[in-house]
Amino acid sequence: MKKVFLNILSISFILTTFGMIIDGDVVKTTMLVRFSEFFLMWAIISLIAAAFYFPINYFLRRKAV
């Protein structure tokens, strides 16, 4: 289970980093806003990935039994 969480967090970290690089906001914001935007987006992507992964994995294992 720990490996699954680490995989979800690492994939969402990569997606968040890629999204922040591509975003390229023209508006200059403070570092606090940038960090909070990054970590909150990372949390949102992690929650979405977990919300899809765990139910699908549960139903696939349940059906195999």
PDB file of N, CA and C in Angstrom:
ATOM      1  N   MET A   1       0.827  -1.187   0.000  1.00  0.00           N
ATOM      2  CA  MET A   1       0.000   0.000   0.000  1.00  0.00           C
ATOM      3  C   MET A   1       0.878   1.259   0.000  1.00  0.00           C
ATOM      4  N   LYS A   2       1.986   1.208   0.735  1.00  0.00           N
ATOM      5  CA  LYS A   2       2.869   2.365   0.792  1.00  0.00           C
ATOM      6  C   LYS A   2       3.442   2.673  -0.582  1.00  0.00           C
ATOM      7  N   LYS A   3       3.762   1.639  -1.346  1.00  0.00           N
ATOM      8  CA  LYS A   3       4.317   1.833  -2.677  1.00  0.00           C
ATOM      9  C   LYS A   3       3.286   2.484  -3.608  1.00  0.00           C
ATOM     10  N   VAL A   4       2.042   2.111  -3.460  1.00  0.00           N
ATOM     11  CA  VAL A   4       0.977   2.694  -4.285  1.00  0.00           C
ATOM     12  C   VAL A   4       0.847   4.186  -4.005  1.00  0.00           C
ATOM     13  N   PHE A   5       0.854   4.567  -2.727  1.00  0.00           N
ATOM     14  CA  PHE A   5       0.766   5.981  -2.384  1.00  0.00           C
ATOM     15  C   PHE A   5       1.972   6.759  -2.909  1.00  0.00           C
ATOM     16  N   LEU A   6       3.150   6.175  -2.792  1.00  0.00           N
ATOM     17  CA  LEU A   6       4.341   6.859  -3.304  1.00  0.00           C
ATOM     18  C   LEU A   6       4.289   7.006  -4.823  1.00  0.00           C
ATOM     19  N   ASN A   7       3.771   6.008  -5.507  1.00  0.00           N
ATOM     20  CA  ASN A   7       3.624   6.112  -6.967  1.00  0.00           C
ATOM     21  C   ASN A   7       2.633   7.204  -7.347  1.00  0.00           C
ATOM     22  N   ILE A   8       1.512   7.254  -6.653  1.00  0.00           N
ATOM     23  CA  ILE A   8       0.510   8.281  -6.939  1.00  0.00           C
ATOM     24  C   ILE A   8       1.082   9.670  -6.666  1.00  0.00           C
ATOM     25  N   LEU A   9       1.786   9.819  -5.546  1.00  0.00           N
ATOM     26  CA  LEU A   9       2.367  11.121  -5.219  1.00  0.00           C
ATOM     27  C   LEU A   9       3.451  11.528  -6.204  1.00  0.00           C
ATOM     28  N   SER A  10       4.263  10.577  -6.628  1.00  0.00           N
ATOM     29  CA  SER A  10       5.332  10.932  -7.567  1.00  0.00           C
ATOM     30  C   SER A  10       4.779  11.282  -8.944  1.00  0.00           C
ATOM     31  N   ILE A  11       3.788  10.553  -9.410  1.00  0.00           N
ATOM     32  CA  ILE A  11       3.180  10.869 -10.706  1.00  0.00           C
ATOM     33  C   ILE A  11       2.490  12.224 -10.654  1.00  0.00           C
ATOM     34  N   SER A  12       1.779  12.501  -9.572  1.00  0.00           N
ATOM     35  CA  SER A  12       1.110  13.799  -9.469  1.00  0.00           C
ATOM     36  C   SER A  12       2.118  14.934  -9.309  1.00  0.00           C
ATOM     37  N   PHE A  13       3.262  14.669  -8.654  1.00  0.00           N
ATOM     38  CA  PHE A  13       4.314  15.683  -8.550  1.00  0.00           C
ATOM     39  C   PHE A  13       4.878  16.018  -9.921  1.00  0.00           C
ATOM     40  N   ILE A  14       5.105  14.998 -10.728  1.00  0.00           N
ATOM     41  CA  ILE A  14       5.635  15.224 -12.082  1.00  0.00           C
ATOM     42  C   ILE A  14       4.628  16.003 -12.922  1.00  0.00           C
ATOM     43  N   LEU A  15       3.356  15.624 -12.848  1.00  0.00           N
ATOM     44  CA  LEU A  15       2.319  16.339 -13.604  1.00  0.00           C
ATOM     45  C   LEU A  15       2.188  17.787 -13.143  1.00  0.00           C
ATOM     46  N   THR A  16       2.264  18.009 -11.840  1.00  0.00           N
ATOM     47  CA  THR A  16       2.161  19.369 -11.313  1.00  0.00           C
ATOM     48  C   THR A  16       3.350  20.221 -11.747  1.00  0.00           C
ATOM     49  N   THR A  17       4.546  19.650 -11.667  1.00  0.00           N
ATOM     50  CA  THR A  17       5.737  20.387 -12.094  1.00  0.00           C
ATOM     51  C   THR A  17       5.662  20.728 -13.573  1.00  0.00           C
ATOM     52  N   PHE A  18       5.264  19.761 -14.377  1.00  0.00           N
ATOM     53  CA  PHE A  18       5.119  19.994 -15.811  1.00  0.00           C
ATOM     54  C   PHE A  18       4.072  21.079 -16.085  1.00  0.00           C
ATOM     55  N   GLY A  19       2.962  21.037 -15.367  1.00  0.00           N
ATOM     56  CA  GLY A  19       1.913  22.046 -15.532  1.00  0.00           C
ATOM     57  C   GLY A  19       2.363  23.429 -15.125  1.00  0.00           C
ATOM     58  N   MET A  20       3.141  23.522 -14.054  1.00  0.00           N
ATOM     59  CA  MET A  20       3.623  24.838 -13.616  1.00  0.00           C
ATOM     60  C   MET A  20       4.635  25.405 -14.606  1.00  0.00           C
ATOM     61  N   ILE A  21       5.437  24.552 -15.211  1.00  0.00           N
ATOM     62  CA  ILE A  21       6.407  25.020 -16.206  1.00  0.00           C
ATOM     63  C   ILE A  21       5.688  25.497 -17.463  1.00  0.00           C
ATOM     64  N   ILE A  22       4.704  24.761 -17.897  1.00  0.00           N
ATOM     65  CA  ILE A  22       3.967  25.126 -19.112  1.00  0.00           C
ATOM     66  C   ILE A  22       3.101  26.367 -18.897  1.00  0.00           C
ATOM     67  N   ASP A  23       2.599  26.548 -17.674  1.00  0.00           N
ATOM     68  CA  ASP A  23       1.686  27.651 -17.374  1.00  0.00           C
ATOM     69  C   ASP A  23       2.321  28.992 -17.719  1.00  0.00           C
ATOM     70  N   GLY A  24       3.476  29.289 -17.212  1.00  0.00           N
ATOM     71  CA  GLY A  24       4.196  30.516 -17.543  1.00  0.00           C
ATOM     72  C   GLY A  24       3.394  31.785 -17.332  1.00  0.00           C
ATOM     73  N   ASP A  25       2.907  31.992 -16.112  1.00  0.00           N
ATOM     74  CA  ASP A  25       2.141  33.198 -15.819  1.00  0.00           C
ATOM     75  C   ASP A  25       2.967  34.451 -16.088  1.00  0.00           C
ATOM     76  N   VAL A  26       2.333  35.436 -16.703  1.00  0.00           N
ATOM     77  CA  VAL A  26       2.985  36.707 -16.971  1.00  0.00           C
ATOM     78  C   VAL A  26       2.965  37.577 -15.720  1.00  0.00           C
ATOM     79  N   VAL A  27       1.944  37.402 -14.889  1.00  0.00           N
ATOM     80  CA  VAL A  27       1.782  38.205 -13.690  1.00  0.00           C
ATOM     81  C   VAL A  27       2.820  37.767 -12.650  1.00  0.00           C
ATOM     82  N   LYS A  28       3.525  38.706 -12.073  1.00  0.00           N
ATOM     83  CA  LYS A  28       4.497  38.410 -11.026  1.00  0.00           C
ATOM     84  C   LYS A  28       3.756  38.232  -9.702  1.00  0.00           C
ATOM     85  N   THR A  29       3.916  37.061  -9.107  1.00  0.00           N
ATOM     86  CA  THR A  29       3.281  36.790  -7.817  1.00  0.00           C
ATOM     87  C   THR A  29       4.365  36.575  -6.767  1.00  0.00           C
ATOM     88  N   THR A  30       3.958  36.572  -5.518  1.00  0.00           N
ATOM     89  CA  THR A  30       4.909  36.339  -4.434  1.00  0.00           C
ATOM     90  C   THR A  30       5.263  34.857  -4.364  1.00  0.00           C
ATOM     91  N   MET A  31       6.342  34.554  -3.682  1.00  0.00           N
ATOM     92  CA  MET A  31       6.770  33.161  -3.538  1.00  0.00           C
ATOM     93  C   MET A  31       5.760  32.364  -2.734  1.00  0.00           C
ATOM     94  N   LEU A  32       5.107  33.003  -1.766  1.00  0.00           N
ATOM     95  CA  LEU A  32       4.093  32.320  -0.965  1.00  0.00           C
ATOM     96  C   LEU A  32       2.943  31.850  -1.843  1.00  0.00           C
ATOM     97  N   VAL A  33       2.510  32.688  -2.755  1.00  0.00           N
ATOM     98  CA  VAL A  33       1.429  32.326  -3.663  1.00  0.00           C
ATOM     99  C   VAL A  33       1.870  31.209  -4.598  1.00  0.00           C
ATOM    100  N   ARG A  34       3.082  31.272  -5.090  1.00  0.00           N
ATOM    101  CA  ARG A  34       3.580  30.225  -5.996  1.00  0.00           C
ATOM    102  C   ARG A  34       3.671  28.880  -5.296  1.00  0.00           C
ATOM    103  N   PHE A  35       4.239  28.869  -4.081  1.00  0.00           N
ATOM    104  CA  PHE A  35       4.357  27.604  -3.352  1.00  0.00           C
ATOM    105  C   PHE A  35       2.999  27.051  -2.962  1.00  0.00           C
ATOM    106  N   SER A  36       2.108  27.912  -2.500  1.00  0.00           N
ATOM    107  CA  SER A  36       0.783  27.426  -2.117  1.00  0.00           C
ATOM    108  C   SER A  36       0.024  26.916  -3.343  1.00  0.00           C
ATOM    109  N   GLU A  37       0.157  27.585  -4.468  1.00  0.00           N
ATOM    110  CA  GLU A  37      -0.481  27.120  -5.698  1.00  0.00           C
ATOM    111  C   GLU A  37       0.074  25.754  -6.120  1.00  0.00           C
ATOM    112  N   PHE A  38       1.389  25.585  -6.005  1.00  0.00           N
ATOM    113  CA  PHE A  38       2.012  24.325  -6.378  1.00  0.00           C
ATOM    114  C   PHE A  38       1.556  23.186  -5.472  1.00  0.00           C
ATOM    115  N   PHE A  39       1.622  23.381  -4.164  1.00  0.00           N
ATOM    116  CA  PHE A  39       1.283  22.302  -3.241  1.00  0.00           C
ATOM    117  C   PHE A  39      -0.206  21.984  -3.236  1.00  0.00           C
ATOM    118  N   LEU A  40      -1.041  22.984  -3.406  1.00  0.00           N
ATOM    119  CA  LEU A  40      -2.475  22.709  -3.479  1.00  0.00           C
ATOM    120  C   LEU A  40      -2.837  21.979  -4.774  1.00  0.00           C
ATOM    121  N   MET A  41      -2.198  22.330  -5.883  1.00  0.00           N
ATOM    122  CA  MET A  41      -2.443  21.611  -7.129  1.00  0.00           C
ATOM    123  C   MET A  41      -1.933  20.177  -7.031  1.00  0.00           C
ATOM    124  N   TRP A  42      -0.809  19.994  -6.369  1.00  0.00           N
ATOM    125  CA  TRP A  42      -0.268  18.660  -6.156  1.00  0.00           C
ATOM    126  C   TRP A  42      -1.249  17.810  -5.337  1.00  0.00           C
ATOM    127  N   ALA A  43      -1.837  18.406  -4.300  1.00  0.00           N
ATOM    128  CA  ALA A  43      -2.812  17.693  -3.476  1.00  0.00           C
ATOM    129  C   ALA A  43      -4.061  17.346  -4.274  1.00  0.00           C
ATOM    130  N   ILE A  44      -4.529  18.271  -5.101  1.00  0.00           N
ATOM    131  CA  ILE A  44      -5.734  18.022  -5.895  1.00  0.00           C
ATOM    132  C   ILE A  44      -5.502  16.891  -6.892  1.00  0.00           C
ATOM    133  N   ILE A  45      -4.374  16.908  -7.579  1.00  0.00           N
ATOM    134  CA  ILE A  45      -4.088  15.854  -8.552  1.00  0.00           C
ATOM    135  C   ILE A  45      -3.913  14.516  -7.848  1.00  0.00           C
ATOM    136  N   SER A  46      -3.285  14.511  -6.671  1.00  0.00           N
ATOM    137  CA  SER A  46      -3.127  13.267  -5.910  1.00  0.00           C
ATOM    138  C   SER A  46      -4.478  12.701  -5.485  1.00  0.00           C
ATOM    139  N   LEU A  47      -5.359  13.558  -5.019  1.00  0.00           N
ATOM    140  CA  LEU A  47      -6.687  13.095  -4.604  1.00  0.00           C
ATOM    141  C   LEU A  47      -7.498  12.559  -5.777  1.00  0.00           C
ATOM    142  N   ILE A  48      -7.401  13.206  -6.915  1.00  0.00           N
ATOM    143  CA  ILE A  48      -8.119  12.728  -8.099  1.00  0.00           C
ATOM    144  C   ILE A  48      -7.577  11.385  -8.555  1.00  0.00           C
ATOM    145  N   ALA A  49      -6.253  11.248  -8.563  1.00  0.00           N
ATOM    146  CA  ALA A  49      -5.644   9.980  -8.971  1.00  0.00           C
ATOM    147  C   ALA A  49      -6.019   8.860  -8.009  1.00  0.00           C
ATOM    148  N   ALA A  50      -6.004   9.135  -6.718  1.00  0.00           N
ATOM    149  CA  ALA A  50      -6.382   8.125  -5.726  1.00  0.00           C
ATOM    150  C   ALA A  50      -7.865   7.785  -5.833  1.00  0.00           C
ATOM    151  N   ALA A  51      -8.685   8.777  -6.125  1.00  0.00           N
ATOM    152  CA  ALA A  51     -10.118   8.534  -6.251  1.00  0.00           C
ATOM    153  C   ALA A  51     -10.442   7.654  -7.455  1.00  0.00           C
ATOM    154  N   PHE A  52      -9.598   7.677  -8.472  1.00  0.00           N
ATOM    155  CA  PHE A  52      -9.802   6.782  -9.612  1.00  0.00           C
ATOM    156  C   PHE A  52      -9.134   5.434  -9.396  1.00  0.00           C
ATOM    157  N   TYR A  53      -7.935   5.416  -8.820  1.00  0.00           N
ATOM    158  CA  TYR A  53      -7.162   4.182  -8.716  1.00  0.00           C
ATOM    159  C   TYR A  53      -7.793   3.175  -7.746  1.00  0.00           C
ATOM    160  N   PHE A  54      -8.101   3.603  -6.534  1.00  0.00           N
ATOM    161  CA  PHE A  54      -8.540   2.657  -5.514  1.00  0.00           C
ATOM    162  C   PHE A  54      -9.893   2.006  -5.814  1.00  0.00           C
ATOM    163  N   PRO A  55     -10.913   2.724  -6.271  1.00  0.00           N
ATOM    164  CA  PRO A  55     -12.165   2.025  -6.616  1.00  0.00           C
ATOM    165  C   PRO A  55     -12.001   1.073  -7.805  1.00  0.00           C
ATOM    166  N   ILE A  56     -11.240   1.477  -8.805  1.00  0.00           N
ATOM    167  CA  ILE A  56     -11.040   0.600  -9.957  1.00  0.00           C
ATOM    168  C   ILE A  56     -10.284  -0.654  -9.537  1.00  0.00           C
ATOM    169  N   ASN A  57      -9.246  -0.489  -8.727  1.00  0.00           N
ATOM    170  CA  ASN A  57      -8.480  -1.625  -8.231  1.00  0.00           C
ATOM    171  C   ASN A  57      -9.358  -2.533  -7.370  1.00  0.00           C
ATOM    172  N   TYR A  58     -10.211  -1.961  -6.549  1.00  0.00           N
ATOM    173  CA  TYR A  58     -11.106  -2.749  -5.703  1.00  0.00           C
ATOM    174  C   TYR A  58     -12.068  -3.586  -6.546  1.00  0.00           C
ATOM    175  N   PHE A  59     -12.686  -2.975  -7.544  1.00  0.00           N
ATOM    176  CA  PHE A  59     -13.642  -3.708  -8.358  1.00  0.00           C
ATOM    177  C   PHE A  59     -12.973  -4.772  -9.223  1.00  0.00           C
ATOM    178  N   LEU A  60     -11.768  -4.495  -9.703  1.00  0.00           N
ATOM    179  CA  LEU A  60     -11.056  -5.507 -10.482  1.00  0.00           C
ATOM    180  C   LEU A  60     -10.660  -6.709  -9.611  1.00  0.00           C
ATOM    181  N   ARG A  61     -10.224  -6.466  -8.386  1.00  0.00           N
ATOM    182  CA  ARG A  61      -9.878  -7.567  -7.483  1.00  0.00           C
ATOM    183  C   ARG A  61     -11.134  -8.303  -7.035  1.00  0.00           C
ATOM    184  N   ARG A  62     -12.202  -7.582  -6.820  1.00  0.00           N
ATOM    185  CA  ARG A  62     -13.462  -8.188  -6.370  1.00  0.00           C
ATOM    186  C   ARG A  62     -14.034  -9.094  -7.467  1.00  0.00           C
ATOM    187  N   LYS A  63     -13.920  -8.658  -8.706  1.00  0.00           N
ATOM    188  CA  LYS A  63     -14.455  -9.429  -9.825  1.00  0.00           C
ATOM    189  C   LYS A  63     -13.618 -10.678 -10.081  1.00  0.00           C
ATOM    190  N   ALA A  64     -12.314 -10.618  -9.816  1.00  0.00           N
ATOM    191  CA  ALA A  64     -11.426 -11.762 -10.054  1.00  0.00           C
ATOM    192  C   ALA A  64     -11.682 -12.896  -9.072  1.00  0.00           C
ATOM    193  N   VAL A  65     -12.247 -12.589  -7.910  1.00  0.00           N
ATOM    194  CA  VAL A  65     -12.453 -13.622  -6.884  1.00  0.00           C
ATOM    195  C   VAL A  65     -13.667 -14.427  -7.145  1.00  0.00           C
TER     196      VAL A  65
END
